[in-house]
Each structure stands twice: as structure tokens, then as C-alpha cells.
Amino acid sequence: MKTKVIMTLVAVFMQLTALAQHSPDFAEKFMSIYNNDSTLACVTISPKMMMQLVKKNDEKECDEKRPENILQAISKLKSARIVTGKADYYEKAEQLLIKNNKRFQSGQDYQTEEQRGAFYTRKDKKGQTVELIMLYAEPEKNLFTIINLTGDIDEEFLCFLYNNKTFKN
């Protein structure tokens, strides 16, 4: 009887530990708030799926240029989520990020007559960037997008992403 109780307690403790370690990324949190809105869509892409897509595109190309930089960038990612919806969600997403300013730091933003965007990051306790959130809107087209990347978002990854430059060896 005692063994059964102890095993049950251990199982419960392990489940609670697993739940405590799972910290939702921004896209997951945003979708949980607006989960009843059918105008929003979220697609999650795993690194394995991204690698397969890159390899299929690579097979279609006849020349020998292999997208090594893309493969290396993808290998640093844990997940990518893309949320799309109407343009008025841009403000809602930005307000949620600002509300959680202890978790997310504001980065670069931009605005033109046709579009606007902003970058936010989240760092772990060691100071490593583990999440990159890119907000994008085209109000005239009534388009809003969140691109949420998690993983090893180091300086090298950001340089590649922003400038499409190669990784250092």
C-alpha cells in the first residue's frame, strides 16, 4: 500500500515538474488569449520539418549550391510559430509584449507608409536569447503576422537572419 502511494506521489511530482518547466512562447500565449477568434491562425513548424523542406527545395535545384547557412540556422531552432490574422491584432500583440516587459525586451522597430514591424526577444537566466518575436503588419491589406522563433538565438543567428550573411566557422 505504501509503495503504491509513494509511486503515485512520484508520478504526480514528475508531472508537476514537467509542467513547471514548460514556459509557453509568446505565440502560444497570444493564441491562448484569442483562441475563440477564427480569424487568427497559428502554424507550428519543427526544425525537422524545416530541414526536410530545405532538402526538398535543394533536390529541385540543379546546381550544386547547398543552403548550408540555412541548414545551420535551422539547426539552432527549437520551434517556429507563425500567427496570422487581421491587422488590428498588431496593437494587441504589442500591448501584450509591453505588459510582459520583464520577460520580453523591445528591440528594433520600423514603420513605413505600407507596413510596420517590431522585434522583441526573451533571454534565459544566463542572459542567452532563447526567443525572438517579430511582429509585422500591413494595414492596407489588413494583414498581421507574428513570427516566433525559439532556440539558440545567438548573435551569429541574428546576423544571419538580419543580413543573410554566412555563419562563422
N, C-alpha and C. Protein backbone atom coordinates (compact mmCIF):
# COMPACT_ATOMS: atom_id res chain seq x y z
N MET A 1 0.83 -1.20 0.00
CA MET A 1 0.00 0.00 0.00
C MET A 1 0.87 1.26 0.00
N LYS A 2 1.90 1.29 0.87
CA LYS A 2 2.79 2.45 0.94
C LYS A 2 3.52 2.65 -0.37
N THR A 3 3.94 1.55 -0.98
CA THR A 3 4.66 1.64 -2.25
C THR A 3 3.77 2.27 -3.32
N LYS A 4 2.50 1.89 -3.36
CA LYS A 4 1.58 2.43 -4.34
C LYS A 4 1.38 3.94 -4.14
N VAL A 5 1.26 4.37 -2.89
CA VAL A 5 1.10 5.80 -2.58
C VAL A 5 2.36 6.57 -2.97
N ILE A 6 3.52 5.99 -2.65
CA ILE A 6 4.79 6.66 -2.98
C ILE A 6 4.94 6.77 -4.49
N MET A 7 4.61 5.70 -5.23
CA MET A 7 4.72 5.73 -6.68
C MET A 7 3.77 6.77 -7.28
N THR A 8 2.56 6.86 -6.72
CA THR A 8 1.60 7.86 -7.18
C THR A 8 2.12 9.26 -6.93
N LEU A 9 2.68 9.50 -5.76
CA LEU A 9 3.24 10.81 -5.43
C LEU A 9 4.41 11.16 -6.35
N VAL A 10 5.25 10.19 -6.63
CA VAL A 10 6.39 10.42 -7.53
C VAL A 10 5.88 10.78 -8.92
N ALA A 11 4.87 10.05 -9.41
CA ALA A 11 4.31 10.34 -10.73
C ALA A 11 3.71 11.74 -10.78
N VAL A 12 2.98 12.12 -9.75
CA VAL A 12 2.38 13.46 -9.69
C VAL A 12 3.48 14.52 -9.66
N PHE A 13 4.51 14.30 -8.84
CA PHE A 13 5.62 15.25 -8.75
C PHE A 13 6.32 15.42 -10.10
N MET A 14 6.53 14.31 -10.82
CA MET A 14 7.19 14.38 -12.13
C MET A 14 6.33 15.16 -13.13
N GLN A 15 5.02 14.97 -13.09
CA GLN A 15 4.14 15.71 -13.99
C GLN A 15 4.14 17.19 -13.66
N LEU A 16 4.12 17.52 -12.37
CA LEU A 16 4.16 18.93 -11.97
C LEU A 16 5.49 19.57 -12.38
N THR A 17 6.58 18.84 -12.23
CA THR A 17 7.89 19.35 -12.64
C THR A 17 7.92 19.62 -14.14
N ALA A 18 7.37 18.69 -14.91
CA ALA A 18 7.33 18.87 -16.37
C ALA A 18 6.50 20.08 -16.74
N LEU A 19 5.37 20.27 -16.08
CA LEU A 19 4.52 21.44 -16.35
C LEU A 19 5.21 22.73 -15.97
N ALA A 20 5.92 22.72 -14.85
CA ALA A 20 6.61 23.93 -14.40
C ALA A 20 7.74 24.31 -15.35
N GLN A 21 8.36 23.33 -15.98
CA GLN A 21 9.47 23.61 -16.88
C GLN A 21 8.98 24.13 -18.23
N HIS A 22 7.74 23.83 -18.60
CA HIS A 22 7.21 24.30 -19.87
C HIS A 22 6.75 25.75 -19.72
N SER A 23 7.46 26.60 -20.37
CA SER A 23 7.11 28.00 -20.38
C SER A 23 6.60 28.33 -21.78
N PRO A 24 5.35 28.75 -21.89
CA PRO A 24 4.82 28.98 -23.24
C PRO A 24 5.57 30.12 -23.95
N ASP A 25 5.77 29.94 -25.24
CA ASP A 25 6.36 31.03 -26.01
C ASP A 25 5.28 32.08 -26.25
N PHE A 26 5.68 33.21 -26.83
CA PHE A 26 4.75 34.31 -26.99
C PHE A 26 3.56 33.93 -27.86
N ALA A 27 3.81 33.26 -28.98
CA ALA A 27 2.72 32.90 -29.89
C ALA A 27 1.70 32.00 -29.20
N GLU A 28 2.18 31.07 -28.41
CA GLU A 28 1.29 30.18 -27.67
C GLU A 28 0.44 30.96 -26.68
N LYS A 29 1.05 31.89 -25.97
CA LYS A 29 0.33 32.73 -25.01
C LYS A 29 -0.70 33.61 -25.74
N PHE A 30 -0.30 34.22 -26.84
CA PHE A 30 -1.19 35.08 -27.62
C PHE A 30 -2.39 34.29 -28.12
N MET A 31 -2.14 33.09 -28.64
CA MET A 31 -3.24 32.27 -29.16
C MET A 31 -4.16 31.79 -28.05
N SER A 32 -3.61 31.57 -26.85
CA SER A 32 -4.47 31.13 -25.75
C SER A 32 -5.43 32.25 -25.33
N ILE A 33 -5.00 33.48 -25.46
CA ILE A 33 -5.86 34.63 -25.12
C ILE A 33 -6.97 34.80 -26.16
N TYR A 34 -6.62 34.63 -27.43
CA TYR A 34 -7.57 34.85 -28.52
C TYR A 34 -7.99 33.54 -29.20
N ASN A 35 -8.07 32.45 -28.43
CA ASN A 35 -8.35 31.14 -29.02
C ASN A 35 -9.74 31.00 -29.61
N ASN A 36 -10.66 31.86 -29.25
CA ASN A 36 -12.01 31.78 -29.80
C ASN A 36 -12.19 32.56 -31.10
N ASP A 37 -11.13 33.22 -31.55
CA ASP A 37 -11.23 34.04 -32.76
C ASP A 37 -10.81 33.22 -33.98
N SER A 38 -11.76 32.95 -34.84
CA SER A 38 -11.48 32.13 -36.02
C SER A 38 -10.72 32.89 -37.11
N THR A 39 -10.51 34.19 -36.93
CA THR A 39 -9.74 34.94 -37.93
C THR A 39 -8.24 34.82 -37.70
N LEU A 40 -7.84 34.25 -36.56
CA LEU A 40 -6.43 34.01 -36.27
C LEU A 40 -6.07 32.57 -36.60
N ALA A 41 -4.87 32.39 -37.13
CA ALA A 41 -4.37 31.05 -37.42
C ALA A 41 -2.94 30.94 -36.93
N CYS A 42 -2.59 29.78 -36.39
CA CYS A 42 -1.23 29.55 -35.91
C CYS A 42 -0.72 28.25 -36.49
N VAL A 43 0.48 28.31 -37.06
CA VAL A 43 1.14 27.13 -37.61
C VAL A 43 2.46 26.97 -36.88
N THR A 44 2.72 25.76 -36.39
CA THR A 44 3.98 25.46 -35.73
C THR A 44 4.81 24.60 -36.66
N ILE A 45 6.07 24.99 -36.83
CA ILE A 45 6.97 24.28 -37.72
C ILE A 45 8.16 23.81 -36.90
N SER A 46 8.39 22.52 -36.88
CA SER A 46 9.52 21.97 -36.13
C SER A 46 10.79 22.08 -36.98
N PRO A 47 11.96 22.06 -36.35
CA PRO A 47 13.21 22.11 -37.12
C PRO A 47 13.33 20.94 -38.09
N LYS A 48 12.84 19.77 -37.69
CA LYS A 48 12.90 18.60 -38.57
C LYS A 48 12.11 18.86 -39.85
N MET A 49 10.92 19.46 -39.71
CA MET A 49 10.10 19.77 -40.87
C MET A 49 10.80 20.82 -41.74
N MET A 50 11.42 21.83 -41.12
CA MET A 50 12.13 22.86 -41.89
C MET A 50 13.28 22.24 -42.66
N MET A 51 14.03 21.34 -42.03
CA MET A 51 15.15 20.67 -42.69
C MET A 51 14.66 19.89 -43.90
N GLN A 52 13.54 19.18 -43.75
CA GLN A 52 13.01 18.41 -44.87
C GLN A 52 12.59 19.32 -46.02
N LEU A 53 11.98 20.46 -45.72
CA LEU A 53 11.59 21.41 -46.76
C LEU A 53 12.80 21.96 -47.49
N VAL A 54 13.85 22.30 -46.75
CA VAL A 54 15.06 22.82 -47.37
C VAL A 54 15.70 21.76 -48.26
N LYS A 55 15.73 20.53 -47.77
CA LYS A 55 16.33 19.45 -48.56
C LYS A 55 15.52 19.19 -49.83
N LYS A 56 14.19 19.25 -49.76
CA LYS A 56 13.36 19.04 -50.95
C LYS A 56 13.60 20.16 -51.96
N ASN A 57 13.68 21.40 -51.47
CA ASN A 57 13.97 22.52 -52.38
C ASN A 57 15.35 22.36 -52.98
N ASP A 58 16.30 21.87 -52.18
CA ASP A 58 17.67 21.68 -52.64
C ASP A 58 17.72 20.62 -53.73
N GLU A 59 16.93 19.56 -53.60
CA GLU A 59 16.90 18.50 -54.60
C GLU A 59 16.35 19.01 -55.93
N LYS A 60 15.44 19.97 -55.89
CA LYS A 60 14.84 20.52 -57.10
C LYS A 60 15.83 21.39 -57.86
N GLU A 61 16.78 21.98 -57.14
CA GLU A 61 17.76 22.85 -57.79
C GLU A 61 18.82 21.99 -58.45
N CYS A 62 19.18 22.32 -59.66
CA CYS A 62 20.13 21.51 -60.41
C CYS A 62 21.58 21.84 -60.07
N ASP A 63 21.87 23.08 -59.69
CA ASP A 63 23.25 23.41 -59.42
C ASP A 63 23.65 22.88 -58.04
N GLU A 64 24.92 22.92 -57.74
CA GLU A 64 25.43 22.30 -56.53
C GLU A 64 25.47 23.23 -55.33
N LYS A 65 24.83 24.37 -55.39
CA LYS A 65 24.79 25.29 -54.25
C LYS A 65 23.90 24.69 -53.18
N ARG A 66 24.47 24.30 -52.09
CA ARG A 66 23.72 23.72 -50.97
C ARG A 66 23.49 24.80 -49.94
N PRO A 67 22.28 24.95 -49.46
CA PRO A 67 21.99 26.02 -48.50
C PRO A 67 22.51 25.69 -47.09
N GLU A 68 23.83 25.54 -46.96
CA GLU A 68 24.44 25.19 -45.68
C GLU A 68 24.11 26.22 -44.60
N ASN A 69 24.10 27.50 -44.96
CA ASN A 69 23.80 28.53 -43.97
C ASN A 69 22.38 28.38 -43.43
N ILE A 70 21.45 28.05 -44.29
CA ILE A 70 20.08 27.86 -43.86
C ILE A 70 19.98 26.64 -42.96
N LEU A 71 20.65 25.55 -43.34
CA LEU A 71 20.63 24.34 -42.53
C LEU A 71 21.23 24.60 -41.15
N GLN A 72 22.31 25.35 -41.11
CA GLN A 72 22.94 25.66 -39.83
C GLN A 72 22.03 26.54 -38.98
N ALA A 73 21.36 27.50 -39.60
CA ALA A 73 20.44 28.36 -38.85
C ALA A 73 19.28 27.54 -38.30
N ILE A 74 18.72 26.67 -39.11
CA ILE A 74 17.60 25.84 -38.69
C ILE A 74 18.00 24.93 -37.54
N SER A 75 19.22 24.43 -37.58
CA SER A 75 19.66 23.52 -36.52
C SER A 75 19.70 24.21 -35.15
N LYS A 76 19.74 25.52 -35.12
CA LYS A 76 19.76 26.26 -33.86
C LYS A 76 18.36 26.48 -33.29
N LEU A 77 17.34 26.21 -34.11
CA LEU A 77 15.97 26.48 -33.68
C LEU A 77 15.33 25.28 -32.98
N LYS A 78 14.52 25.61 -31.99
CA LYS A 78 13.71 24.59 -31.31
C LYS A 78 12.34 24.53 -31.97
N SER A 79 11.76 25.69 -32.27
CA SER A 79 10.47 25.73 -32.96
C SER A 79 10.28 27.09 -33.61
N ALA A 80 9.36 27.10 -34.54
CA ALA A 80 8.94 28.34 -35.20
C ALA A 80 7.42 28.31 -35.26
N ARG A 81 6.81 29.39 -34.81
CA ARG A 81 5.36 29.52 -34.90
C ARG A 81 5.05 30.76 -35.71
N ILE A 82 4.06 30.62 -36.58
CA ILE A 82 3.63 31.75 -37.40
C ILE A 82 2.14 31.95 -37.14
N VAL A 83 1.82 33.14 -36.65
CA VAL A 83 0.43 33.51 -36.37
C VAL A 83 0.03 34.55 -37.41
N THR A 84 -1.13 34.36 -38.02
CA THR A 84 -1.63 35.34 -38.98
C THR A 84 -3.05 35.74 -38.61
N GLY A 85 -3.39 36.97 -38.95
CA GLY A 85 -4.72 37.47 -38.66
C GLY A 85 -4.92 38.85 -39.26
N LYS A 86 -5.93 39.52 -38.76
CA LYS A 86 -6.25 40.87 -39.23
C LYS A 86 -5.28 41.88 -38.62
N ALA A 87 -5.07 42.98 -39.32
CA ALA A 87 -4.08 43.99 -38.94
C ALA A 87 -4.30 44.57 -37.54
N ASP A 88 -5.54 44.63 -37.07
CA ASP A 88 -5.77 45.23 -35.76
C ASP A 88 -5.19 44.41 -34.61
N TYR A 89 -4.77 43.20 -34.88
CA TYR A 89 -4.12 42.38 -33.84
C TYR A 89 -2.69 42.83 -33.55
N TYR A 90 -2.13 43.63 -34.42
CA TYR A 90 -0.77 44.13 -34.18
C TYR A 90 -0.71 44.86 -32.84
N GLU A 91 -1.63 45.76 -32.63
CA GLU A 91 -1.65 46.54 -31.37
C GLU A 91 -1.85 45.63 -30.17
N LYS A 92 -2.72 44.64 -30.29
CA LYS A 92 -2.98 43.72 -29.19
C LYS A 92 -1.73 42.92 -28.85
N ALA A 93 -1.02 42.47 -29.86
CA ALA A 93 0.21 41.71 -29.64
C ALA A 93 1.28 42.59 -28.99
N GLU A 94 1.41 43.80 -29.50
CA GLU A 94 2.41 44.71 -28.95
C GLU A 94 2.09 45.07 -27.49
N GLN A 95 0.82 45.28 -27.19
CA GLN A 95 0.42 45.59 -25.81
C GLN A 95 0.72 44.42 -24.88
N LEU A 96 0.53 43.19 -25.35
CA LEU A 96 0.84 42.01 -24.53
C LEU A 96 2.34 41.92 -24.27
N LEU A 97 3.14 42.24 -25.27
CA LEU A 97 4.60 42.23 -25.09
C LEU A 97 5.03 43.32 -24.10
N ILE A 98 4.45 44.51 -24.23
CA ILE A 98 4.78 45.62 -23.33
C ILE A 98 4.33 45.30 -21.91
N LYS A 99 3.17 44.69 -21.78
CA LYS A 99 2.65 44.30 -20.47
C LYS A 99 3.60 43.32 -19.77
N ASN A 100 4.25 42.48 -20.56
CA ASN A 100 5.20 41.48 -20.04
C ASN A 100 6.64 41.93 -20.27
N ASN A 101 6.92 43.21 -20.00
CA ASN A 101 8.24 43.76 -20.30
C ASN A 101 9.37 43.19 -19.43
N LYS A 102 9.04 42.51 -18.36
CA LYS A 102 10.09 41.84 -17.58
C LYS A 102 10.55 40.57 -18.28
N ARG A 103 9.70 40.03 -19.11
CA ARG A 103 10.03 38.80 -19.84
C ARG A 103 10.57 39.10 -21.24
N PHE A 104 9.97 40.08 -21.92
CA PHE A 104 10.33 40.39 -23.29
C PHE A 104 10.94 41.78 -23.39
N GLN A 105 12.07 41.88 -24.08
CA GLN A 105 12.72 43.16 -24.29
C GLN A 105 12.46 43.64 -25.71
N SER A 106 12.16 44.92 -25.81
CA SER A 106 11.92 45.53 -27.10
C SER A 106 13.23 45.69 -27.85
N GLY A 107 13.17 45.42 -29.13
CA GLY A 107 14.34 45.60 -29.98
C GLY A 107 14.06 46.66 -31.02
N GLN A 108 14.50 46.40 -32.20
CA GLN A 108 14.34 47.34 -33.30
C GLN A 108 12.90 47.33 -33.79
N ASP A 109 12.41 48.50 -34.20
CA ASP A 109 11.11 48.56 -34.86
C ASP A 109 11.21 49.45 -36.08
N TYR A 110 10.23 49.36 -36.95
CA TYR A 110 10.25 50.16 -38.18
C TYR A 110 8.81 50.44 -38.60
N GLN A 111 8.66 51.50 -39.40
CA GLN A 111 7.35 51.84 -39.92
C GLN A 111 7.51 52.62 -41.21
N THR A 112 6.76 52.20 -42.22
CA THR A 112 6.69 52.92 -43.49
C THR A 112 5.21 53.22 -43.73
N GLU A 113 4.92 53.79 -44.87
CA GLU A 113 3.51 54.08 -45.19
C GLU A 113 2.71 52.79 -45.37
N GLU A 114 3.36 51.73 -45.85
CA GLU A 114 2.65 50.49 -46.16
C GLU A 114 2.71 49.44 -45.06
N GLN A 115 3.74 49.47 -44.22
CA GLN A 115 3.94 48.39 -43.26
C GLN A 115 4.61 48.87 -41.99
N ARG A 116 4.52 48.03 -40.98
CA ARG A 116 5.22 48.31 -39.74
C ARG A 116 5.63 47.00 -39.09
N GLY A 117 6.63 47.06 -38.26
CA GLY A 117 7.11 45.85 -37.61
C GLY A 117 7.93 46.17 -36.37
N ALA A 118 8.11 45.15 -35.55
CA ALA A 118 8.89 45.30 -34.33
C ALA A 118 9.50 43.95 -33.97
N PHE A 119 10.64 44.01 -33.29
CA PHE A 119 11.34 42.81 -32.84
C PHE A 119 11.41 42.84 -31.32
N TYR A 120 11.17 41.68 -30.71
CA TYR A 120 11.29 41.52 -29.27
C TYR A 120 12.06 40.23 -29.01
N THR A 121 12.76 40.20 -27.88
CA THR A 121 13.50 39.00 -27.50
C THR A 121 13.18 38.62 -26.06
N ARG A 122 13.45 37.35 -25.76
CA ARG A 122 13.37 36.87 -24.39
C ARG A 122 14.67 36.15 -24.09
N LYS A 123 15.24 36.46 -22.94
CA LYS A 123 16.50 35.85 -22.53
C LYS A 123 16.26 34.88 -21.38
N ASP A 124 17.12 33.87 -21.27
CA ASP A 124 17.04 32.96 -20.14
C ASP A 124 17.82 33.53 -18.96
N LYS A 125 17.90 32.79 -17.87
CA LYS A 125 18.57 33.27 -16.66
C LYS A 125 20.06 33.51 -16.87
N LYS A 126 20.65 32.86 -17.87
CA LYS A 126 22.07 33.03 -18.17
C LYS A 126 22.32 34.23 -19.09
N GLY A 127 21.25 34.87 -19.57
CA GLY A 127 21.39 36.01 -20.46
C GLY A 127 21.41 35.64 -21.93
N GLN A 128 21.19 34.37 -22.25
CA GLN A 128 21.16 33.93 -23.64
C GLN A 128 19.78 34.21 -24.23
N THR A 129 19.75 34.70 -25.46
CA THR A 129 18.48 34.92 -26.13
C THR A 129 17.93 33.57 -26.57
N VAL A 130 16.71 33.26 -26.10
CA VAL A 130 16.09 31.97 -26.40
C VAL A 130 14.79 32.12 -27.20
N GLU A 131 14.37 33.35 -27.41
CA GLU A 131 13.14 33.57 -28.16
C GLU A 131 13.22 34.89 -28.91
N LEU A 132 12.79 34.87 -30.16
CA LEU A 132 12.75 36.06 -30.99
C LEU A 132 11.34 36.19 -31.54
N ILE A 133 10.72 37.34 -31.29
CA ILE A 133 9.36 37.60 -31.76
C ILE A 133 9.43 38.73 -32.76
N MET A 134 8.88 38.49 -33.94
CA MET A 134 8.83 39.51 -34.98
C MET A 134 7.37 39.80 -35.27
N LEU A 135 6.95 41.04 -35.06
CA LEU A 135 5.60 41.47 -35.39
C LEU A 135 5.65 42.19 -36.72
N TYR A 136 4.62 41.97 -37.54
CA TYR A 136 4.58 42.59 -38.87
C TYR A 136 3.13 42.88 -39.21
N ALA A 137 2.87 44.05 -39.77
CA ALA A 137 1.51 44.39 -40.20
C ALA A 137 1.55 45.21 -41.48
N GLU A 138 0.56 44.96 -42.31
CA GLU A 138 0.29 45.76 -43.50
C GLU A 138 -1.16 46.20 -43.38
N PRO A 139 -1.40 47.37 -42.78
CA PRO A 139 -2.78 47.80 -42.53
C PRO A 139 -3.66 47.89 -43.78
N GLU A 140 -3.12 48.36 -44.89
CA GLU A 140 -3.93 48.49 -46.10
C GLU A 140 -4.41 47.14 -46.63
N LYS A 141 -3.64 46.10 -46.38
CA LYS A 141 -4.03 44.75 -46.79
C LYS A 141 -4.73 44.00 -45.66
N ASN A 142 -4.87 44.66 -44.51
CA ASN A 142 -5.47 44.07 -43.33
C ASN A 142 -4.76 42.76 -42.94
N LEU A 143 -3.43 42.81 -42.92
CA LEU A 143 -2.60 41.64 -42.67
C LEU A 143 -1.75 41.84 -41.43
N PHE A 144 -1.73 40.83 -40.58
CA PHE A 144 -0.91 40.83 -39.37
C PHE A 144 -0.21 39.49 -39.26
N THR A 145 1.07 39.51 -38.87
CA THR A 145 1.83 38.28 -38.71
C THR A 145 2.74 38.37 -37.50
N ILE A 146 2.80 37.27 -36.75
CA ILE A 146 3.80 37.08 -35.71
C ILE A 146 4.67 35.92 -36.18
N ILE A 147 5.97 36.13 -36.16
CA ILE A 147 6.90 35.02 -36.37
C ILE A 147 7.63 34.86 -35.05
N ASN A 148 7.48 33.71 -34.44
CA ASN A 148 8.01 33.44 -33.11
C ASN A 148 9.01 32.29 -33.21
N LEU A 149 10.29 32.58 -33.02
CA LEU A 149 11.34 31.58 -33.09
C LEU A 149 11.87 31.31 -31.68
N THR A 150 12.05 30.04 -31.34
CA THR A 150 12.68 29.68 -30.07
C THR A 150 13.88 28.79 -30.36
N GLY A 151 14.86 28.86 -29.48
CA GLY A 151 16.06 28.04 -29.63
C GLY A 151 17.28 28.83 -29.26
N ASP A 152 18.39 28.53 -29.93
CA ASP A 152 19.66 29.20 -29.68
C ASP A 152 19.74 30.43 -30.59
N ILE A 153 19.19 31.54 -30.11
CA ILE A 153 19.13 32.77 -30.89
C ILE A 153 20.35 33.63 -30.51
N ASP A 154 21.52 33.19 -30.95
CA ASP A 154 22.75 33.91 -30.60
C ASP A 154 23.04 35.00 -31.62
N GLU A 155 24.12 35.74 -31.38
CA GLU A 155 24.49 36.85 -32.27
C GLU A 155 24.71 36.38 -33.70
N GLU A 156 25.33 35.23 -33.84
CA GLU A 156 25.59 34.67 -35.15
C GLU A 156 24.28 34.41 -35.90
N PHE A 157 23.30 33.85 -35.20
CA PHE A 157 21.99 33.59 -35.79
C PHE A 157 21.33 34.89 -36.21
N LEU A 158 21.38 35.90 -35.33
CA LEU A 158 20.76 37.19 -35.64
C LEU A 158 21.43 37.86 -36.83
N CYS A 159 22.75 37.79 -36.91
CA CYS A 159 23.46 38.36 -38.07
C CYS A 159 23.01 37.68 -39.35
N PHE A 160 22.89 36.36 -39.30
CA PHE A 160 22.42 35.63 -40.48
C PHE A 160 21.00 36.06 -40.84
N LEU A 161 20.15 36.14 -39.84
CA LEU A 161 18.75 36.47 -40.07
C LEU A 161 18.59 37.88 -40.64
N TYR A 162 19.25 38.85 -40.03
CA TYR A 162 19.11 40.24 -40.44
C TYR A 162 19.82 40.55 -41.75
N ASN A 163 20.99 39.98 -41.92
CA ASN A 163 21.83 40.35 -43.07
C ASN A 163 21.97 39.26 -44.10
N ASN A 164 21.44 38.07 -43.81
CA ASN A 164 21.59 36.92 -44.68
C ASN A 164 23.07 36.66 -44.99
N LYS A 165 23.92 36.84 -43.98
CA LYS A 165 25.34 36.57 -44.14
C LYS A 165 25.63 35.16 -43.66
N THR A 166 26.80 34.67 -43.99
CA THR A 166 27.17 33.32 -43.62
C THR A 166 27.55 33.23 -42.15
N PHE A 167 27.47 32.02 -41.63
CA PHE A 167 27.91 31.76 -40.27
C PHE A 167 29.44 31.69 -40.26
N LYS A 168 29.98 32.02 -39.11
CA LYS A 168 31.42 31.87 -38.93
C LYS A 168 31.72 30.40 -38.65
N ASN A 169 32.85 29.92 -39.11
CA ASN A 169 33.23 28.52 -38.84
C ASN A 169 34.01 28.43 -37.58
